[in-house]
All heavy atoms as atom14 arrays in JSON, in Angstrom:
{
  "sequence": "INPYLVKLEKIPGKAEGWMGITEFETLMEYQMFCYLLMLLEDKEA",
  "atom14_mask": [
    [1, 1, 1, 1, 1, 1, 1, 1, 0, 0, 0, 0, 0, 0],
    [1, 1, 1, 1, 1, 1, 1, 1, 0, 0, 0, 0, 0, 0],
    [1, 1, 1, 1, 1, 1, 1, 0, 0, 0, 0, 0, 0, 0],
    [1, 1, 1, 1, 1, 1, 1, 1, 1, 1, 1, 1, 0, 0],
    [1, 1, 1, 1, 1, 1, 1, 1, 0, 0, 0, 0, 0, 0],
    [1, 1, 1, 1, 1, 1, 1, 0, 0, 0, 0, 0, 0, 0],
    [1, 1, 1, 1, 1, 1, 1, 1, 1, 0, 0, 0, 0, 0],
    [1, 1, 1, 1, 1, 1, 1, 1, 0, 0, 0, 0, 0, 0],
    [1, 1, 1, 1, 1, 1, 1, 1, 1, 0, 0, 0, 0, 0],
    [1, 1, 1, 1, 1, 1, 1, 1, 1, 0, 0, 0, 0, 0],
    [1, 1, 1, 1, 1, 1, 1, 1, 0, 0, 0, 0, 0, 0],
    [1, 1, 1, 1, 1, 1, 1, 0, 0, 0, 0, 0, 0, 0],
    [1, 1, 1, 1, 0, 0, 0, 0, 0, 0, 0, 0, 0, 0],
    [1, 1, 1, 1, 1, 1, 1, 1, 1, 0, 0, 0, 0, 0],
    [1, 1, 1, 1, 1, 0, 0, 0, 0, 0, 0, 0, 0, 0],
    [1, 1, 1, 1, 1, 1, 1, 1, 1, 0, 0, 0, 0, 0],
    [1, 1, 1, 1, 0, 0, 0, 0, 0, 0, 0, 0, 0, 0],
    [1, 1, 1, 1, 1, 1, 1, 1, 1, 1, 1, 1, 1, 1],
    [1, 1, 1, 1, 1, 1, 1, 1, 0, 0, 0, 0, 0, 0],
    [1, 1, 1, 1, 0, 0, 0, 0, 0, 0, 0, 0, 0, 0],
    [1, 1, 1, 1, 1, 1, 1, 1, 0, 0, 0, 0, 0, 0],
    [1, 1, 1, 1, 1, 1, 1, 0, 0, 0, 0, 0, 0, 0],
    [1, 1, 1, 1, 1, 1, 1, 1, 1, 0, 0, 0, 0, 0],
    [1, 1, 1, 1, 1, 1, 1, 1, 1, 1, 1, 0, 0, 0],
    [1, 1, 1, 1, 1, 1, 1, 1, 1, 0, 0, 0, 0, 0],
    [1, 1, 1, 1, 1, 1, 1, 0, 0, 0, 0, 0, 0, 0],
    [1, 1, 1, 1, 1, 1, 1, 1, 0, 0, 0, 0, 0, 0],
    [1, 1, 1, 1, 1, 1, 1, 1, 0, 0, 0, 0, 0, 0],
    [1, 1, 1, 1, 1, 1, 1, 1, 1, 0, 0, 0, 0, 0],
    [1, 1, 1, 1, 1, 1, 1, 1, 1, 1, 1, 1, 0, 0],
    [1, 1, 1, 1, 1, 1, 1, 1, 1, 0, 0, 0, 0, 0],
    [1, 1, 1, 1, 1, 1, 1, 1, 0, 0, 0, 0, 0, 0],
    [1, 1, 1, 1, 1, 1, 1, 1, 1, 1, 1, 0, 0, 0],
    [1, 1, 1, 1, 1, 1, 0, 0, 0, 0, 0, 0, 0, 0],
    [1, 1, 1, 1, 1, 1, 1, 1, 1, 1, 1, 1, 0, 0],
    [1, 1, 1, 1, 1, 1, 1, 1, 0, 0, 0, 0, 0, 0],
    [1, 1, 1, 1, 1, 1, 1, 1, 0, 0, 0, 0, 0, 0],
    [1, 1, 1, 1, 1, 1, 1, 1, 0, 0, 0, 0, 0, 0],
    [1, 1, 1, 1, 1, 1, 1, 1, 0, 0, 0, 0, 0, 0],
    [1, 1, 1, 1, 1, 1, 1, 1, 0, 0, 0, 0, 0, 0],
    [1, 1, 1, 1, 1, 1, 1, 1, 1, 0, 0, 0, 0, 0],
    [1, 1, 1, 1, 1, 1, 1, 1, 0, 0, 0, 0, 0, 0],
    [1, 1, 1, 1, 1, 1, 1, 1, 1, 0, 0, 0, 0, 0],
    [1, 1, 1, 1, 1, 1, 1, 1, 1, 0, 0, 0, 0, 0],
    [1, 1, 1, 1, 1, 0, 0, 0, 0, 0, 0, 0, 0, 0]
  ],
  "atom14_positions": [
    [[18.34, 15.0, -9.02], [17.29, 16.0, -8.83], [16.38, 16.0, -10.05], [16.86, 16.01, -11.18], [17.9, 17.41, -8.65], [18.88, 17.42, -7.47], [16.81, 18.44, -8.45], [19.59, 18.73, -7.27], [0.0, 0.0, 0.0], [0.0, 0.0, 0.0], [0.0, 0.0, 0.0], [0.0, 0.0, 0.0], [0.0, 0.0, 0.0], [0.0, 0.0, 0.0]],
    [[15.06, 15.95, -9.82], [14.1, 16.13, -10.91], [12.9, 16.9, -10.36], [12.87, 17.21, -9.17], [13.71, 14.79, -11.54], [13.03, 13.86, -10.57], [12.25, 14.29, -9.72], [13.3, 12.57, -10.69], [0.0, 0.0, 0.0], [0.0, 0.0, 0.0], [0.0, 0.0, 0.0], [0.0, 0.0, 0.0], [0.0, 0.0, 0.0], [0.0, 0.0, 0.0]],
    [[11.9, 17.22, -11.18], [10.78, 18.02, -10.68], [9.94, 17.33, -9.61], [9.1, 17.97, -9.01], [9.94, 18.27, -11.95], [10.88, 18.09, -13.07], [11.83, 17.03, -12.63], [0.0, 0.0, 0.0], [0.0, 0.0, 0.0], [0.0, 0.0, 0.0], [0.0, 0.0, 0.0], [0.0, 0.0, 0.0], [0.0, 0.0, 0.0], [0.0, 0.0, 0.0]],
    [[10.16, 16.05, -9.38], [9.28, 15.31, -8.49], [9.88, 15.06, -7.11], [9.18, 15.05, -6.11], [8.91, 13.98, -9.13], [8.38, 14.15, -10.53], [9.17, 13.82, -11.62], [7.11, 14.67, -10.75], [8.68, 13.98, -12.92], [6.63, 14.85, -12.03], [7.42, 14.5, -13.12], [6.96, 14.67, -14.38], [0.0, 0.0, 0.0], [0.0, 0.0, 0.0]],
    [[11.16, 14.82, -7.05], [11.75, 14.48, -5.76], [13.25, 14.68, -5.82], [13.84, 14.86, -6.88], [11.44, 13.02, -5.38], [11.84, 11.93, -6.39], [13.28, 11.47, -6.14], [10.89, 10.75, -6.27], [0.0, 0.0, 0.0], [0.0, 0.0, 0.0], [0.0, 0.0, 0.0], [0.0, 0.0, 0.0], [0.0, 0.0, 0.0], [0.0, 0.0, 0.0]],
    [[13.86, 14.66, -4.63], [15.31, 14.64, -4.5], [15.66, 13.37, -3.75], [15.14, 13.1, -2.68], [15.82, 15.86, -3.71], [17.32, 15.77, -3.52], [15.47, 17.16, -4.45], [0.0, 0.0, 0.0], [0.0, 0.0, 0.0], [0.0, 0.0, 0.0], [0.0, 0.0, 0.0], [0.0, 0.0, 0.0], [0.0, 0.0, 0.0], [0.0, 0.0, 0.0]],
    [[16.52, 12.57, -4.33], [16.92, 11.32, -3.69], [18.43, 11.3, -3.51], [19.17, 11.41, -4.48], [16.49, 10.11, -4.52], [16.92, 8.78, -3.88], [16.56, 7.6, -4.75], [17.03, 6.29, -4.11], [16.76, 5.13, -4.97], [0.0, 0.0, 0.0], [0.0, 0.0, 0.0], [0.0, 0.0, 0.0], [0.0, 0.0, 0.0], [0.0, 0.0, 0.0]],
    [[18.86, 11.18, -2.27], [20.28, 11.04, -1.97], [20.52, 9.62, -1.51], [19.98, 9.19, -0.49], [20.7, 12.03, -0.87], [22.15, 11.9, -0.39], [23.11, 12.22, -1.53], [22.41, 12.81, 0.79], [0.0, 0.0, 0.0], [0.0, 0.0, 0.0], [0.0, 0.0, 0.0], [0.0, 0.0, 0.0], [0.0, 0.0, 0.0], [0.0, 0.0, 0.0]],
    [[21.29, 8.87, -2.26], [21.6, 7.49, -1.89], [22.87, 7.47, -1.05], [23.92, 7.93, -1.5], [21.8, 6.62, -3.14], [20.51, 6.24, -3.81], [20.68, 5.1, -4.8], [21.81, 4.87, -5.25], [19.68, 4.45, -5.1], [0.0, 0.0, 0.0], [0.0, 0.0, 0.0], [0.0, 0.0, 0.0], [0.0, 0.0, 0.0], [0.0, 0.0, 0.0]],
    [[22.75, 6.95, 0.15], [23.9, 6.78, 1.02], [24.26, 5.29, 1.02], [23.62, 4.49, 1.68], [23.59, 7.28, 2.43], [23.33, 8.77, 2.47], [23.17, 9.29, 3.89], [21.88, 8.84, 4.51], [21.64, 9.46, 5.83], [0.0, 0.0, 0.0], [0.0, 0.0, 0.0], [0.0, 0.0, 0.0], [0.0, 0.0, 0.0], [0.0, 0.0, 0.0]],
    [[25.28, 4.96, 0.27], [25.67, 3.56, 0.11], [26.86, 3.28, 1.02], [27.94, 3.84, 0.82], [26.05, 3.26, -1.35], [24.89, 3.67, -2.28], [26.37, 1.78, -1.53], [25.27, 3.67, -3.74], [0.0, 0.0, 0.0], [0.0, 0.0, 0.0], [0.0, 0.0, 0.0], [0.0, 0.0, 0.0], [0.0, 0.0, 0.0], [0.0, 0.0, 0.0]],
    [[26.7, 2.46, 2.04], [27.8, 2.23, 2.97], [28.96, 1.5, 2.33], [28.77, 0.69, 1.41], [27.16, 1.38, 4.07], [26.03, 0.69, 3.39], [25.51, 1.65, 2.36], [0.0, 0.0, 0.0], [0.0, 0.0, 0.0], [0.0, 0.0, 0.0], [0.0, 0.0, 0.0], [0.0, 0.0, 0.0], [0.0, 0.0, 0.0], [0.0, 0.0, 0.0]],
    [[30.17, 1.79, 2.8], [31.33, 1.06, 2.3], [31.29, -0.4, 2.7], [31.86, -1.26, 2.02], [0.0, 0.0, 0.0], [0.0, 0.0, 0.0], [0.0, 0.0, 0.0], [0.0, 0.0, 0.0], [0.0, 0.0, 0.0], [0.0, 0.0, 0.0], [0.0, 0.0, 0.0], [0.0, 0.0, 0.0], [0.0, 0.0, 0.0], [0.0, 0.0, 0.0]],
    [[30.59, -0.68, 3.79], [30.42, -2.06, 4.26], [29.07, -2.16, 4.94], [28.78, -1.4, 5.86], [31.54, -2.44, 5.24], [31.43, -3.84, 5.8], [32.53, -4.13, 6.81], [32.42, -5.52, 7.4], [33.47, -5.78, 8.41], [0.0, 0.0, 0.0], [0.0, 0.0, 0.0], [0.0, 0.0, 0.0], [0.0, 0.0, 0.0], [0.0, 0.0, 0.0]],
    [[28.23, -3.08, 4.48], [26.93, -3.27, 5.09], [27.09, -3.86, 6.49], [27.86, -4.81, 6.68], [26.06, -4.18, 4.23], [0.0, 0.0, 0.0], [0.0, 0.0, 0.0], [0.0, 0.0, 0.0], [0.0, 0.0, 0.0], [0.0, 0.0, 0.0], [0.0, 0.0, 0.0], [0.0, 0.0, 0.0], [0.0, 0.0, 0.0], [0.0, 0.0, 0.0]],
    [[26.38, -3.3, 7.46], [26.48, -3.77, 8.84], [25.09, -4.08, 9.38], [24.09, -3.54, 8.9], [27.18, -2.72, 9.7], [28.6, -2.42, 9.2], [29.37, -1.51, 10.14], [29.42, -1.82, 11.34], [29.9, -0.49, 9.68], [0.0, 0.0, 0.0], [0.0, 0.0, 0.0], [0.0, 0.0, 0.0], [0.0, 0.0, 0.0], [0.0, 0.0, 0.0]],
    [[25.06, -4.93, 10.39], [23.8, -5.44, 10.9], [22.85, -4.39, 11.4], [21.63, -4.58, 11.35], [0.0, 0.0, 0.0], [0.0, 0.0, 0.0], [0.0, 0.0, 0.0], [0.0, 0.0, 0.0], [0.0, 0.0, 0.0], [0.0, 0.0, 0.0], [0.0, 0.0, 0.0], [0.0, 0.0, 0.0], [0.0, 0.0, 0.0], [0.0, 0.0, 0.0]],
    [[23.35, -3.26, 11.9], [22.48, -2.25, 12.48], [21.9, -1.31, 11.43], [21.1, -0.43, 11.74], [23.24, -1.43, 13.52], [24.5, -0.79, 13.01], [25.75, -1.32, 13.0], [24.62, 0.5, 12.41], [26.65, -0.45, 12.45], [25.98, 0.69, 12.07], [23.73, 1.53, 12.13], [26.46, 1.85, 11.47], [24.2, 2.68, 11.52], [25.55, 2.83, 11.2]],
    [[22.29, -1.47, 10.16], [21.87, -0.54, 9.11], [20.52, -0.93, 8.52], [20.33, -0.93, 7.31], [22.92, -0.49, 8.0], [24.23, 0.13, 8.41], [25.42, 0.13, 7.06], [26.75, 1.08, 7.77], [0.0, 0.0, 0.0], [0.0, 0.0, 0.0], [0.0, 0.0, 0.0], [0.0, 0.0, 0.0], [0.0, 0.0, 0.0], [0.0, 0.0, 0.0]],
    [[19.56, -1.24, 9.33], [18.24, -1.6, 8.83], [17.27, -0.45, 9.0], [17.64, 0.68, 9.29], [0.0, 0.0, 0.0], [0.0, 0.0, 0.0], [0.0, 0.0, 0.0], [0.0, 0.0, 0.0], [0.0, 0.0, 0.0], [0.0, 0.0, 0.0], [0.0, 0.0, 0.0], [0.0, 0.0, 0.0], [0.0, 0.0, 0.0], [0.0, 0.0, 0.0]],
    [[15.99, -0.74, 8.8], [14.93, 0.23, 9.04], [14.59, 0.16, 10.52], [14.06, -0.86, 10.99], [13.7, -0.08, 8.16], [14.08, 0.02, 6.68], [12.55, 0.86, 8.49], [12.97, -0.4, 5.73], [0.0, 0.0, 0.0], [0.0, 0.0, 0.0], [0.0, 0.0, 0.0], [0.0, 0.0, 0.0], [0.0, 0.0, 0.0], [0.0, 0.0, 0.0]],
    [[14.9, 1.2, 11.26], [14.8, 1.13, 12.72], [13.36, 0.95, 13.19], [13.14, 0.45, 14.29], [15.38, 2.41, 13.35], [14.72, 3.57, 12.8], [16.87, 2.53, 13.06], [0.0, 0.0, 0.0], [0.0, 0.0, 0.0], [0.0, 0.0, 0.0], [0.0, 0.0, 0.0], [0.0, 0.0, 0.0], [0.0, 0.0, 0.0], [0.0, 0.0, 0.0]],
    [[12.39, 1.34, 12.37], [10.99, 1.17, 12.76], [10.55, -0.29, 12.75], [9.56, -0.64, 13.37], [10.08, 1.99, 11.85], [10.14, 3.49, 12.05], [11.27, 4.14, 11.27], [12.13, 3.41, 10.73], [11.3, 5.38, 11.21], [0.0, 0.0, 0.0], [0.0, 0.0, 0.0], [0.0, 0.0, 0.0], [0.0, 0.0, 0.0], [0.0, 0.0, 0.0]],
    [[11.26, -1.14, 12.02], [10.87, -2.55, 11.9], [11.5, -3.37, 13.02], [12.65, -3.15, 13.39], [11.29, -3.12, 10.55], [10.55, -2.53, 9.37], [10.91, -2.88, 8.07], [9.51, -1.63, 9.55], [10.24, -2.33, 6.98], [8.83, -1.08, 8.46], [9.2, -1.43, 7.18], [0.0, 0.0, 0.0], [0.0, 0.0, 0.0], [0.0, 0.0, 0.0]],
    [[10.73, -4.32, 13.52], [11.19, -5.14, 14.63], [11.38, -6.61, 14.27], [12.03, -7.34, 15.01], [10.18, -5.03, 15.79], [10.03, -3.61, 16.34], [9.01, -3.51, 17.45], [8.47, -4.59, 17.85], [8.72, -2.4, 17.92], [0.0, 0.0, 0.0], [0.0, 0.0, 0.0], [0.0, 0.0, 0.0], [0.0, 0.0, 0.0], [0.0, 0.0, 0.0]],
    [[10.82, -7.03, 13.15], [10.88, -8.45, 12.79], [11.18, -8.6, 11.29], [10.97, -7.66, 10.5], [9.55, -9.16, 13.09], [8.52, -8.61, 12.26], [9.17, -9.01, 14.55], [0.0, 0.0, 0.0], [0.0, 0.0, 0.0], [0.0, 0.0, 0.0], [0.0, 0.0, 0.0], [0.0, 0.0, 0.0], [0.0, 0.0, 0.0], [0.0, 0.0, 0.0]],
    [[11.64, -9.79, 10.93], [11.87, -10.11, 9.52], [10.57, -10.04, 8.73], [10.54, -9.61, 7.57], [12.48, -11.5, 9.41], [12.73, -12.03, 7.98], [13.72, -11.14, 7.24], [13.24, -13.48, 8.04], [0.0, 0.0, 0.0], [0.0, 0.0, 0.0], [0.0, 0.0, 0.0], [0.0, 0.0, 0.0], [0.0, 0.0, 0.0], [0.0, 0.0, 0.0]],
    [[9.47, -10.43, 9.35], [8.16, -10.41, 8.68], [7.83, -9.01, 8.17], [7.25, -8.86, 7.08], [7.07, -10.89, 9.65], [5.67, -10.87, 9.08], [5.37, -12.18, 7.86], [5.03, -13.56, 8.98], [0.0, 0.0, 0.0], [0.0, 0.0, 0.0], [0.0, 0.0, 0.0], [0.0, 0.0, 0.0], [0.0, 0.0, 0.0], [0.0, 0.0, 0.0]],
    [[8.21, -7.99, 8.9], [7.9, -6.62, 8.47], [8.66, -6.24, 7.21], [8.13, -5.54, 6.33], [8.19, -5.64, 9.61], [7.15, -5.72, 10.72], [7.67, -5.25, 12.06], [8.14, -4.1, 12.14], [7.62, -6.04, 13.03], [0.0, 0.0, 0.0], [0.0, 0.0, 0.0], [0.0, 0.0, 0.0], [0.0, 0.0, 0.0], [0.0, 0.0, 0.0]],
    [[9.9, -6.7, 7.08], [10.64, -6.46, 5.84], [9.96, -7.18, 4.67], [9.9, -6.65, 3.56], [12.08, -6.95, 5.99], [12.95, -6.04, 6.83], [13.15, -6.27, 8.18], [13.58, -4.93, 6.26], [13.95, -5.44, 8.95], [14.39, -4.09, 7.01], [14.57, -4.35, 8.36], [15.35, -3.52, 9.12], [0.0, 0.0, 0.0], [0.0, 0.0, 0.0]],
    [[9.47, -8.39, 4.91], [8.77, -9.12, 3.87], [7.5, -8.38, 3.45], [7.22, -8.21, 2.25], [8.43, -10.53, 4.35], [9.63, -11.42, 4.58], [9.24, -12.77, 5.17], [8.96, -12.89, 6.36], [9.2, -13.78, 4.33], [0.0, 0.0, 0.0], [0.0, 0.0, 0.0], [0.0, 0.0, 0.0], [0.0, 0.0, 0.0], [0.0, 0.0, 0.0]],
    [[6.72, -7.94, 4.44], [5.5, -7.21, 4.14], [5.81, -5.93, 3.37], [5.07, -5.57, 2.42], [4.77, -6.85, 5.44], [4.14, -8.01, 6.17], [3.29, -7.42, 7.66], [2.63, -8.95, 8.31], [0.0, 0.0, 0.0], [0.0, 0.0, 0.0], [0.0, 0.0, 0.0], [0.0, 0.0, 0.0], [0.0, 0.0, 0.0], [0.0, 0.0, 0.0]],
    [[6.87, -5.26, 3.74], [7.24, -4.01, 3.08], [7.59, -4.25, 1.61], [7.18, -3.5, 0.71], [8.41, -3.37, 3.81], [8.86, -2.06, 3.22], [7.98, -0.99, 3.14], [10.15, -1.9, 2.75], [8.39, 0.22, 2.59], [10.56, -0.7, 2.2], [9.68, 0.37, 2.12], [0.0, 0.0, 0.0], [0.0, 0.0, 0.0], [0.0, 0.0, 0.0]],
    [[8.34, -5.32, 1.34], [8.69, -5.65, -0.05], [7.45, -5.96, -0.87], [7.33, -5.55, -2.03], [9.65, -6.83, -0.09], [11.33, -6.42, 0.48], [0.0, 0.0, 0.0], [0.0, 0.0, 0.0], [0.0, 0.0, 0.0], [0.0, 0.0, 0.0], [0.0, 0.0, 0.0], [0.0, 0.0, 0.0], [0.0, 0.0, 0.0], [0.0, 0.0, 0.0]],
    [[6.49, -6.66, -0.27], [5.25, -6.97, -0.98], [4.43, -5.7, -1.21], [3.76, -5.55, -2.25], [4.43, -8.01, -0.22], [5.1, -9.38, -0.18], [5.15, -10.13, 0.98], [5.68, -9.9, -1.33], [5.75, -11.37, 1.02], [6.29, -11.15, -1.31], [6.33, -11.88, -0.14], [6.95, -13.11, -0.12], [0.0, 0.0, 0.0], [0.0, 0.0, 0.0]],
    [[4.47, -4.77, -0.26], [3.79, -3.48, -0.46], [4.4, -2.73, -1.63], [3.69, -2.15, -2.46], [3.87, -2.64, 0.82], [3.28, -1.23, 0.72], [1.78, -1.28, 0.39], [3.52, -0.46, 2.02], [0.0, 0.0, 0.0], [0.0, 0.0, 0.0], [0.0, 0.0, 0.0], [0.0, 0.0, 0.0], [0.0, 0.0, 0.0], [0.0, 0.0, 0.0]],
    [[5.73, -2.75, -1.74], [6.4, -2.1, -2.88], [5.97, -2.75, -4.2], [5.79, -2.06, -5.21], [7.92, -2.18, -2.72], [8.54, -1.39, -1.57], [10.05, -1.6, -1.53], [8.23, 0.1, -1.69], [0.0, 0.0, 0.0], [0.0, 0.0, 0.0], [0.0, 0.0, 0.0], [0.0, 0.0, 0.0], [0.0, 0.0, 0.0], [0.0, 0.0, 0.0]],
    [[5.83, -4.08, -4.18], [5.38, -4.78, -5.39], [3.97, -4.33, -5.78], [3.68, -4.1, -6.96], [5.39, -6.3, -5.15], [6.77, -6.91, -5.06], [6.73, -8.64, -4.53], [5.68, -9.38, -5.78], [0.0, 0.0, 0.0], [0.0, 0.0, 0.0], [0.0, 0.0, 0.0], [0.0, 0.0, 0.0], [0.0, 0.0, 0.0], [0.0, 0.0, 0.0]],
    [[3.11, -4.2, -4.79], [1.74, -3.77, -5.05], [1.72, -2.36, -5.64], [1.01, -2.08, -6.62], [0.93, -3.82, -3.75], [-0.51, -3.29, -3.82], [-1.36, -4.22, -4.68], [-1.11, -3.17, -2.43], [0.0, 0.0, 0.0], [0.0, 0.0, 0.0], [0.0, 0.0, 0.0], [0.0, 0.0, 0.0], [0.0, 0.0, 0.0], [0.0, 0.0, 0.0]],
    [[2.51, -1.46, -5.06], [2.53, -0.07, -5.52], [3.16, 0.07, -6.9], [2.86, 1.03, -7.63], [3.29, 0.8, -4.51], [2.66, 0.92, -3.11], [3.57, 1.73, -2.19], [1.28, 1.55, -3.2], [0.0, 0.0, 0.0], [0.0, 0.0, 0.0], [0.0, 0.0, 0.0], [0.0, 0.0, 0.0], [0.0, 0.0, 0.0], [0.0, 0.0, 0.0]],
    [[4.03, -0.87, -7.26], [4.7, -0.8, -8.56], [3.69, -0.81, -9.72], [3.93, -0.2, -10.77], [5.66, -2.0, -8.7], [6.48, -2.01, -9.97], [7.58, -0.96, -9.98], [7.94, -0.46, -8.9], [8.07, -0.66, -11.08], [0.0, 0.0, 0.0], [0.0, 0.0, 0.0], [0.0, 0.0, 0.0], [0.0, 0.0, 0.0], [0.0, 0.0, 0.0]],
    [[2.57, -1.47, -9.52], [1.57, -1.59, -10.58], [0.49, -0.5, -10.51], [-0.49, -0.55, -11.26], [0.89, -2.97, -10.52], [1.85, -4.09, -10.88], [2.77, -3.84, -11.68], [1.69, -5.2, -10.34], [0.0, 0.0, 0.0], [0.0, 0.0, 0.0], [0.0, 0.0, 0.0], [0.0, 0.0, 0.0], [0.0, 0.0, 0.0], [0.0, 0.0, 0.0]],
    [[0.68, 0.47, -9.61], [-0.31, 1.53, -9.47], [0.26, 2.86, -9.95], [1.44, 3.15, -9.75], [-0.78, 1.64, -8.01], [-1.49, 0.39, -7.52], [-2.11, 0.58, -6.17], [-2.84, -0.68, -5.72], [-3.94, -1.06, -6.63], [0.0, 0.0, 0.0], [0.0, 0.0, 0.0], [0.0, 0.0, 0.0], [0.0, 0.0, 0.0], [0.0, 0.0, 0.0]],
    [[-0.58, 3.67, -10.56], [-0.17, 4.98, -11.03], [-0.13, 5.97, -9.87], [-0.83, 5.8, -8.86], [-1.14, 5.49, -12.1], [-1.2, 4.64, -13.35], [0.11, 4.66, -14.12], [0.82, 5.69, -14.07], [0.44, 3.63, -14.76], [0.0, 0.0, 0.0], [0.0, 0.0, 0.0], [0.0, 0.0, 0.0], [0.0, 0.0, 0.0], [0.0, 0.0, 0.0]],
    [[0.67, 7.02, -10.02], [0.69, 8.09, -9.02], [-0.7, 8.72, -8.96], [-1.3, 9.03, -9.99], [1.74, 9.14, -9.38], [0.0, 0.0, 0.0], [0.0, 0.0, 0.0], [0.0, 0.0, 0.0], [0.0, 0.0, 0.0], [0.0, 0.0, 0.0], [0.0, 0.0, 0.0], [0.0, 0.0, 0.0], [0.0, 0.0, 0.0], [0.0, 0.0, 0.0]]
  ]
}
């Protein structure tokens, strides 16, 4: 907990195939999402 956000990490005891981002339908979308995170990393709030 901090003044900006609350983050609860749910770390599974065993990673399973269905534990993905349900909104994504293809591998390409995961790739695009990672690149979006890279882009945002260099930007200020």
